[in-house]
Amino acid sequence: MAVTDTIMIAGLVLFGMFMLKVLFETRAFLKHLEEKHPGEFAKLGFPDWKIQWGDASLRLATKYIRQRQFEPLKDEVLERSYRAIRIYERYAWAAGAIAIVATLAGPYLK
């Protein structure tokens, strides 16, 4: 197995692990929002992880997090979850980029 193949596989594994961490942190964010700020959670349409066509609640929740609409709540737990989500997203994209570069460079380095 070539070094580039090993790097590509490692990048893909890391990408998957970091994206799972993003999902877990997002779930923790929403769970805390539901428990401590039920009015805000209700405004989002009670987002759930089930995949349903036409259900926009999870998309609205993602937008809510990305646009930092939770800031007026002054909740440190939500802020920590947000920072963790952003950090692990960046790690995931970096790992994915490494996997892509290793894949593209592989034929040229053999």
Foldseek 3Di string as FASTA:
>chain_A
DDPLVVLLVVLVVLLVVLVVQLVVLLVVLLVCCCVPPVVVCVVLVVDDPDDDPPDCSVVSSVVCLVVVVCVVVVDVSNVVSSVSNVVSVVSSVVSNVSNVVSVVCVVVVD
